[in-house]
Amino acid sequence: IRLKIDGSNIVDPVTNNPIALHGFNWILHDVEQGDTETYRQYAPNANLIRMIGILWDDSLGSSDCMTNNASESYIKPSCIETMDKAINIAISNNSASNDNKDNIWVILTMRGQYAAGGHYPAYPDVFHNETLKNMFYTMWQYLAKHYSTFDYILTYEIMSEPRTKIVQQTVVRDMYNDACSLIHDIDPDTPCMIGPAPYYKSWMLNETLLINSTNTIYTVDFFFPANYIGSNSTDNDTYPGTYPCYWVFPGWTCSSTGNTQPCFCPGNRNEMVTVNKTMMTNLLKEYPLKLKQEASVPILVNQWDIARTVPVSNGAYVYVQDIVDIFNEQGIHSTYWVWKEETGTTEWDGTAVVDYVKNGGPVMIDYQKIAIMNNSWTQ
């Protein structure tokens, strides 16, 4: 069972109507029995999970999924077993008829900070090392064959956040093009999902990244503005608010990039910029939504968040409401970062909406934040 890409729409094969997909990121090693029931209880309108993920060349530790064993297609069987279990938990209450309209779809995500160029040249990446790139392709061919038999896979996310900042976007595109071609030779029905370097920045997505396959979803992050969504009560940052351009776009003012495009506030990094719903809508329209319209491709924001340290009195929930409204109004699919986390104490300052305190501590739930999202997803 697969959804279908039809231009910029993602179509439900049961109803033959476009479907809006929204939900949360799940961290693979935190998934356990009962999570789907909790998910449906508190966010019954969520229909999407981004599963993080296949951690391949992501660390130097023994837990990394990459292996040099060609007979295993360069991926440890234990990683496949863990992903299989998590996907089966996620879709355990789905039904072929979807009578209750509550089926959950899963994004299968590969993350590899070394493979993605995060530590080059100290360590190789797929953009400079042919051996590693071919191992990467072989691994994805194995994943495509294995998961082609699983229902409710929305898409294969080829490389979460390409970290390279030194290769041309055309090189990143060519890697995606080759990987998706190999995948679709094996599993032509499951879309690929790809996004720009560096780090899925929304303003880096444009026609340069378009690949040959039309069975593709294009993705970006939207951690914006980073200084606000990570702030606390002592920062006194508010939403909506007006700030210097260098605060709104750190590292991306034209003076910071040497006028290399895209960049912001040419000639005056101190220019005051008002951050509100209109401004964020226009930012998305200028970049990912422009591609959506001109190339007729679907857009999915795979990560957005706001820390619990941001006071409600400083506009935290207003921000959440504006973001989900923008996504609804502009036809952007989305997954929030992150559904669940585990902390050592009740001093909860992360971005998750559910917190399991370790060693028998309480389960804390951000009911209001979930409700804002869940209620918006009914529209």
Foldseek 3Di string as FASTA:
>chain_A
DEWFADQQFTADPLVRHGDFAEAAEDELVPDDAPPQVVCCVQQVLHAEYEYNAQAAQADPDPPHQADPDVVVLRGDPVSVVSVVVRVCRNQVPPDPNCPVVRGHAYEHEYEHCLQLPVDPPVGDHLLPDVVVLVSLLSNLLVVLQVCLPPPRHHAYESYQFRQDPPDDQLSVLVSVQVSQVSSCVRRVRHAYEYATPHRQAQQVADPSNDHDDQSYEYEGADAFQVPQLQDAPVVLAAPQDKFFQCSRPPCAACVNVVNPPPGDDPPGSRDIDGDYLVVVLVSNCVGVLVCCVPRRHHYEHEEYFGKPRNDVVRPPLVVLLSVLVSCVVSVYHYHYYHAEDEDCDPPGTGTHQWYHHPDPDDIHGNSVSSCSNSVSSVD
